[in-house]
Protein backbone atom coordinates (compact mmCIF):
# COMPACT_ATOMS: atom_id res chain seq x y z
CA MET A 1 88.58 84.94 88.41
CA ASN A 2 86.00 83.23 90.40
CA ASN A 3 87.32 84.99 93.80
CA GLN A 4 86.35 88.17 92.68
CA PRO A 5 82.88 90.05 92.55
CA LYS A 6 82.16 92.14 89.46
CA ALA A 7 82.00 95.68 90.53
CA TYR A 8 84.27 98.35 91.50
CA THR A 9 84.14 102.19 92.02
CA GLY A 10 85.91 105.08 91.04
CA LYS A 11 86.47 105.82 94.74
CA GLU A 12 88.47 102.66 95.01
CA LEU A 13 90.46 103.23 91.88
CA LEU A 14 91.23 106.94 93.41
CA PHE A 15 92.78 105.37 96.40
CA PHE A 16 94.78 102.73 94.59
CA PHE A 17 96.43 105.56 92.07
CA LEU A 18 97.10 107.86 94.99
CA ILE A 19 99.24 105.62 96.57
CA ALA A 20 100.52 103.01 93.90
CA PHE A 21 101.82 106.08 91.65
CA GLY A 22 101.39 109.39 93.85
CA ILE A 23 104.17 108.05 96.51
CA PRO A 24 106.71 107.10 93.84
CA TYR A 25 106.45 110.19 92.08
CA LEU A 26 106.51 112.28 95.06
CA MET A 27 109.28 110.31 96.37
CA GLY A 28 111.19 111.29 93.10
CA ILE A 29 111.90 114.41 94.99
CA PRO A 30 114.16 112.94 97.57
CA LEU A 31 115.36 110.56 95.13
CA GLY A 32 116.91 113.37 92.75
CA ILE A 33 118.33 115.19 95.50
CA CYS A 34 120.01 111.98 96.79
CA GLN A 35 121.25 111.38 93.24
CA ARG A 36 122.48 114.99 92.72
CA ASN A 37 124.32 115.17 96.04
CA GLY A 38 125.69 111.57 95.44
CA TRP A 39 124.12 110.06 98.60
CA GLY A 40 122.77 106.53 98.63
CA THR A 41 119.55 105.81 96.28
CA ASP A 42 119.16 101.93 96.84
CA ALA A 43 116.63 102.42 99.02
CA PHE A 44 114.04 103.62 96.79
CA PRO A 45 113.59 101.09 94.28
CA ASN A 46 113.09 98.69 97.24
CA ALA A 47 110.63 100.73 98.55
CA GLN A 48 108.81 101.61 95.44
CA MET A 49 107.75 97.92 94.85
CA PHE A 50 105.69 97.88 98.04
CA TYR A 51 103.38 100.93 96.82
CA PRO A 52 101.04 98.89 94.33
CA ALA A 53 100.16 96.47 96.70
CA ALA A 54 99.53 99.05 99.51
CA GLY A 55 97.35 100.95 97.26
CA ALA A 56 95.33 97.88 96.28
CA MET A 57 94.88 97.04 100.10
CA VAL A 58 93.66 100.38 100.97
CA ALA A 59 91.47 100.66 98.46
CA LEU A 60 89.92 97.41 99.22
CA LEU A 61 89.92 98.13 103.05
CA VAL A 62 87.91 101.46 102.61
CA THR A 63 85.54 100.45 100.11
CA ARG A 64 84.82 96.85 101.60
CA ARG A 65 84.74 98.28 105.30
CA GLY A 66 82.95 96.10 107.69
CA LYS A 67 82.77 93.17 105.08
CA PRO A 68 84.41 89.87 105.75
CA GLY A 69 86.88 88.25 103.30
CA LEU A 70 90.13 90.26 103.67
CA THR A 71 93.31 89.00 105.08
CA ARG A 72 93.42 92.17 107.49
CA ARG A 73 96.49 90.96 109.73
CA PHE A 74 98.42 90.29 106.50
CA TYR A 75 97.39 93.78 105.13
CA GLY A 76 97.87 95.68 107.92
CA LEU A 77 101.41 94.23 108.59
CA PHE A 78 102.27 95.11 104.77
CA LEU A 79 100.88 98.74 105.09
CA VAL A 80 103.09 99.11 108.24
CA LEU A 81 106.12 97.88 106.11
CA THR A 82 105.15 100.11 103.55
CA LEU A 83 105.32 102.99 105.76
CA VAL A 84 108.57 102.22 107.19
CA MET A 85 109.91 101.83 103.71
CA VAL A 86 108.82 105.03 103.02
CA GLY A 87 110.48 106.45 106.18
CA CYS A 88 113.77 104.86 104.65
CA CYS A 89 113.53 107.01 101.58
CA ILE A 90 112.96 110.13 103.76
CA GLY A 91 115.98 109.36 105.87
CA ALA A 92 118.18 108.95 103.07
CA VAL A 93 117.63 112.55 102.51
CA ALA A 94 117.60 113.56 106.04
CA ALA A 95 120.44 111.48 107.41
CA PRO A 96 122.24 110.64 104.15
CA ALA A 97 125.37 109.16 106.21
CA MET A 98 123.31 106.17 107.35
CA ASP A 99 123.27 102.95 105.35
CA TRP A 100 119.45 103.04 104.65
CA THR A 101 119.82 100.31 101.86
CA THR A 102 120.66 97.81 104.72
CA VAL A 103 117.70 98.99 106.86
CA CYS A 104 115.43 98.88 103.95
CA ASN A 105 116.81 94.74 103.41
CA ALA A 106 116.64 94.18 107.27
CA VAL A 107 112.62 95.37 106.99
CA ILE A 108 112.16 93.18 104.13
CA VAL A 109 113.67 89.93 105.60
CA ILE A 110 112.14 90.40 109.09
CA GLY A 111 108.76 91.40 107.65
CA CYS A 112 108.71 88.31 105.72
CA ILE A 113 108.53 86.25 108.61
CA PRO A 114 105.27 87.38 110.44
CA ALA A 115 103.86 88.12 106.87
CA TRP A 116 104.54 83.99 106.49
CA ILE A 117 103.02 83.40 109.78
CA PHE A 118 99.78 85.40 109.09
CA LEU A 119 99.33 83.81 105.43
CA MET A 120 99.69 80.31 106.82
CA THR A 121 97.27 80.65 109.81
CA GLU A 122 94.80 82.46 107.81
CA LYS A 123 91.53 80.71 106.94
CA LYS A 124 91.59 78.97 103.47
CA GLN A 125 88.47 80.84 102.57
CA THR A 126 89.80 84.42 103.57
CA ARG A 127 92.77 83.74 101.81
CA GLN A 128 90.78 82.52 98.90
CA SER A 129 88.77 85.91 99.02
CA SER A 130 91.88 88.06 99.03
CA GLY A 131 93.30 86.30 96.10
CA LEU A 132 96.12 84.70 98.06
CA CYS A 133 95.82 81.02 97.51
CA TRP A 134 98.18 78.79 95.67
CA HIS A 135 96.08 77.24 92.86
CA GLY A 136 97.36 74.66 90.38
CA GLY A 137 99.65 72.56 92.12
CA PHE A 138 102.94 71.71 90.75
CA LYS A 139 101.90 72.47 87.16
CA ALA A 140 101.53 76.02 88.10
CA LEU A 141 105.33 75.95 88.58
CA LEU A 142 106.15 75.07 84.93
CA TYR A 143 105.22 78.76 83.90
CA VAL A 144 107.81 79.71 86.34
CA LEU A 145 110.17 77.20 84.54
CA LEU A 146 109.16 78.05 81.32
CA PHE A 147 110.03 81.93 82.08
CA ILE A 148 113.47 81.06 83.60
CA LEU A 149 114.27 79.35 80.45
CA LEU A 150 113.33 82.09 77.99
CA ARG A 151 114.85 84.67 80.51
CA THR A 152 118.15 82.86 79.99
CA VAL A 153 117.79 82.57 76.30
CA SER A 154 117.42 86.15 76.16
CA VAL A 155 120.68 86.81 78.16
CA PHE A 156 122.54 84.48 75.94
CA LEU A 157 121.26 85.88 72.85
CA SER A 158 121.99 89.47 73.78
CA VAL A 159 125.57 88.41 74.61
CA LEU A 160 126.08 87.45 70.88
CA PRO A 161 126.53 90.85 69.29
CA SER A 162 129.34 91.55 71.85
CA GLY A 163 131.49 88.73 70.62
CA GLN A 164 132.09 87.90 74.31
CA MET A 165 130.24 84.38 74.10
CA GLY A 166 133.36 82.59 74.88
CA GLU A 167 134.30 84.60 78.25
CA TYR A 168 130.54 84.17 79.18
CA LEU A 169 130.15 80.38 78.46
CA ALA A 170 133.59 80.21 80.61
CA TYR A 171 131.91 82.05 83.53
CA TRP A 172 129.04 79.50 83.27
CA ALA A 173 131.61 76.64 83.56
CA THR A 174 132.26 77.87 87.16
CA PRO A 175 130.43 77.11 90.24
CA ALA A 176 129.41 80.73 90.88
CA PRO A 177 126.43 81.03 88.66
CA TRP A 178 125.27 77.65 89.85
CA ILE A 179 125.49 78.38 93.41
CA LEU A 180 123.76 81.73 93.17
CA LEU A 181 121.05 80.06 91.38
CA VAL A 182 120.53 77.49 94.03
CA VAL A 183 120.55 80.25 96.72
CA LEU A 184 117.81 82.05 94.89
CA ILE A 185 115.10 79.30 96.12
CA PRO A 186 115.67 80.02 99.83
CA ASN A 187 116.01 83.81 99.28
CA PHE A 188 112.66 84.02 97.65
CA PHE A 189 111.10 83.09 101.30
CA LEU A 190 112.77 85.98 103.04
CA SER A 191 112.40 88.76 100.35
CA PHE A 192 108.90 87.68 98.73
CA THR A 193 107.15 91.22 100.02
CA ALA A 194 108.90 93.08 97.84
CA PHE A 195 107.65 91.26 94.55
CA PHE A 196 104.49 90.61 95.97
CA GLY A 197 104.06 94.34 96.52
CA GLU A 198 104.14 94.78 92.82
CA GLU A 199 102.51 92.09 91.46
CA TYR A 200 99.44 92.14 93.91
CA GLY A 201 98.85 95.48 92.85
CA TRP A 202 99.46 95.21 88.94
CA ARG A 203 98.10 91.47 88.17
CA TYR A 204 95.39 90.95 91.09
CA TYR A 205 94.17 94.21 91.31
CA LEU A 206 94.67 96.48 88.35
CA GLN A 207 94.62 93.99 85.31
CA PRO A 208 91.21 92.90 85.62
CA ARG A 209 89.75 96.58 86.30
CA LEU A 210 91.72 97.40 82.93
CA GLN A 211 90.44 94.48 81.08
CA GLN A 212 86.94 95.08 82.05
CA LYS A 213 87.57 98.65 80.87
CA PHE A 214 89.51 98.49 77.68
CA GLY A 215 89.05 94.66 76.72
CA PRO A 216 90.89 91.58 77.71
CA ARG A 217 93.99 92.50 75.13
CA LEU A 218 94.03 96.06 75.27
CA GLY A 219 93.65 96.13 78.88
CA VAL A 220 96.88 94.18 79.45
CA LEU A 221 98.80 96.40 76.98
CA VAL A 222 97.41 99.68 78.89
CA LEU A 223 98.67 97.91 82.20
CA GLY A 224 102.23 97.46 80.57
CA VAL A 225 102.39 101.08 79.74
CA ALA A 226 101.15 102.33 82.79
CA TRP A 227 103.70 100.01 84.86
CA GLY A 228 106.25 101.11 82.38
CA LEU A 229 105.55 104.79 83.27
CA TRP A 230 105.37 104.12 86.98
CA HIS A 231 109.29 103.51 86.88
CA LEU A 232 109.86 106.88 85.71
CA PRO A 233 111.40 108.45 88.75
CA LEU A 234 113.75 105.75 88.95
CA ASN A 235 114.56 105.91 85.30
CA LEU A 236 115.30 109.56 85.84
CA PHE A 237 117.51 109.26 88.84
CA TYR A 238 118.43 105.71 89.43
CA TYR A 239 118.61 103.28 86.60
CA SER A 240 120.35 105.64 83.95
CA PRO A 241 120.31 109.44 84.92
CA GLU A 242 122.75 109.98 81.98
CA THR A 243 120.36 107.92 79.06
CA SER A 244 117.04 108.53 80.74
CA LEU A 245 114.97 108.66 77.61
CA GLN A 246 116.73 105.39 76.46
CA SER A 247 116.17 103.75 80.10
CA LEU A 248 112.41 104.82 79.66
CA VAL A 249 111.59 103.56 76.30
CA SER A 250 113.51 100.20 77.33
CA GLN A 251 111.43 100.14 80.51
CA LEU A 252 108.37 100.40 78.44
CA ILE A 253 109.48 97.62 76.13
CA VAL A 254 110.20 95.18 79.25
CA CYS A 255 106.98 96.36 81.07
CA VAL A 256 104.65 95.65 78.04
CA THR A 257 106.03 92.30 76.99
CA LEU A 258 106.76 91.13 80.27
CA GLY A 259 103.39 92.31 81.23
CA VAL A 260 101.44 90.05 78.63
CA PHE A 261 103.69 87.13 79.75
CA PHE A 262 102.74 87.64 83.21
CA ALA A 263 99.10 88.28 82.55
CA TRP A 264 99.23 85.27 80.52
CA ALA A 265 100.41 83.08 83.22
CA TYR A 266 98.22 84.62 86.02
CA LEU A 267 95.01 84.13 83.75
CA LYS A 268 96.09 80.78 83.00
CA THR A 269 96.81 79.49 86.71
CA ASP A 270 94.50 82.14 88.67
CA ASN A 271 97.21 82.18 91.08
CA ILE A 272 98.91 85.45 92.04
CA TRP A 273 101.98 83.51 93.60
CA VAL A 274 102.93 82.67 89.82
CA PRO A 275 103.46 86.31 88.70
CA VAL A 276 105.15 86.91 92.04
CA LEU A 277 107.47 84.21 91.25
CA LEU A 278 108.42 85.38 88.00
CA HIS A 279 109.09 88.85 89.06
CA TYR A 280 111.11 87.57 91.44
CA PHE A 281 113.35 85.70 89.10
CA ASN A 282 113.15 88.24 86.48
CA ASN A 283 114.90 90.47 88.94
CA ASN A 284 117.27 88.27 90.64
CA LEU A 285 118.42 86.10 88.05
CA ILE A 286 120.42 89.37 87.01
CA VAL A 287 122.80 88.30 89.91
CA VAL A 288 123.17 84.97 88.14
CA TYR A 289 123.89 86.11 84.80
CA ASN A 290 126.12 89.02 85.64
CA GLY A 291 127.83 87.72 88.94
CA SER A 292 126.36 91.42 90.51
CA ALA A 293 123.15 92.99 90.87
CA GLN A 294 124.27 96.84 90.13
CA ILE A 295 121.57 98.25 88.11
CA SER A 296 122.07 102.06 88.81
CA ASN A 297 123.84 104.49 86.65
CA GLN A 298 123.91 102.38 83.64
CA VAL A 299 124.58 103.89 80.34
CA ILE A 300 122.21 102.50 77.74
CA ALA A 301 122.52 102.92 74.07
CA TRP A 302 119.81 102.86 71.51
CA SER A 303 121.27 99.64 70.20
CA ASP A 304 120.58 97.97 73.55
CA VAL A 305 116.97 99.36 73.31
CA LEU A 306 116.70 97.70 69.87
CA ILE A 307 118.06 94.50 70.81
CA ALA A 308 115.66 94.32 73.88
CA LEU A 309 112.65 95.19 71.69
CA VAL A 310 113.52 92.31 69.31
CA LEU A 311 114.28 89.78 72.23
CA TYR A 312 111.50 90.36 74.16
CA VAL A 313 108.69 90.46 71.27
CA VAL A 314 110.12 87.63 69.95
CA LEU A 315 110.35 85.53 73.24
CA TYR A 316 107.46 86.86 75.35
CA MET A 317 104.67 88.28 73.00
CA PRO A 318 103.64 85.04 71.38
CA VAL A 319 101.65 84.12 74.08
CA PHE A 320 99.38 87.16 73.44
CA ALA A 321 97.51 84.92 70.94
CA SER A 322 96.48 82.74 73.74
CA LYS A 323 92.53 81.95 73.80
CA VAL A 324 92.88 83.10 77.60
CA PHE A 325 93.04 86.71 76.21
CA THR A 326 89.23 86.63 75.40
CA ARG A 327 86.43 88.29 76.90
CA SER A 328 84.60 85.17 78.01
CA GLN A 329 87.91 84.40 80.07
CA GLU A 330 88.30 87.85 81.61
CA PRO A 331 88.60 87.92 85.45
CA GLU A 332 85.93 89.19 87.50
CA ILE A 333 86.48 92.37 89.80
CA GLN A 334 86.98 92.41 93.55
CA SER A 335 84.48 95.48 95.06
């Protein structure tokens, strides 16, 4: 991608991995303690979404010290928000009676306000250099609409084996899912930092480096596996403690296949906000489809894993044949 120089260093990657992977695995200890004692754990997945971008920002700030071209105010704010989120996770163990989930949500909402201000008042050249500009105009949104369509198809197909399609269609005949769908649009602007936190780390920072190391296609697959394993503490102690192996396998399937689709959309648009939106809708459409956002303490059967494998491969992997996954189209790297 044209906003990124070609070189990167091992020192830079070390900073990234220590933060992006080291903190969530370290936070797995208090998460496990909270889960074992029946204390609130919802703060942990919210906080974990911040770590990849924080790792990328620290890596770039350290290795590009004194050089122009980074949105330092936005970076600084985001790193402060990340530290506060870490503090909320520690607080979940130190003061379990407190509602740390509400605190985390408040931090995200309040933090989004100055984050947008810093982004909108930054020079375009600086935003461009940091990979934060919107590219592609309205056409870029077509990738988001395509994903929403595919995500909706996958949900309806997954309902078929249960024999509850009639009840599910009756749910969609009520105003509830449509109201929830409309609410998602303004809600993005008050919660974008969490989804930006993952995609700026995975797609903007790590993807081009892995593609340079392993090649345009294998690099994306390696990223998908790494992204899946990054969720391991949550698979063990949050998503599905009783069926953690099934949760991990399912996580790998989702992250590899969605990782391919997100990478494709990013390469096609040169626009980090497109995968941010894809990630946002992937997570939040659950509320629309199910009427709730309960994703913890699930019991996952191997049959569920198999259904996910078939659906996600069929719906999201075909884009892997795209010509954007060629060496000549690889994004360049920011040093």
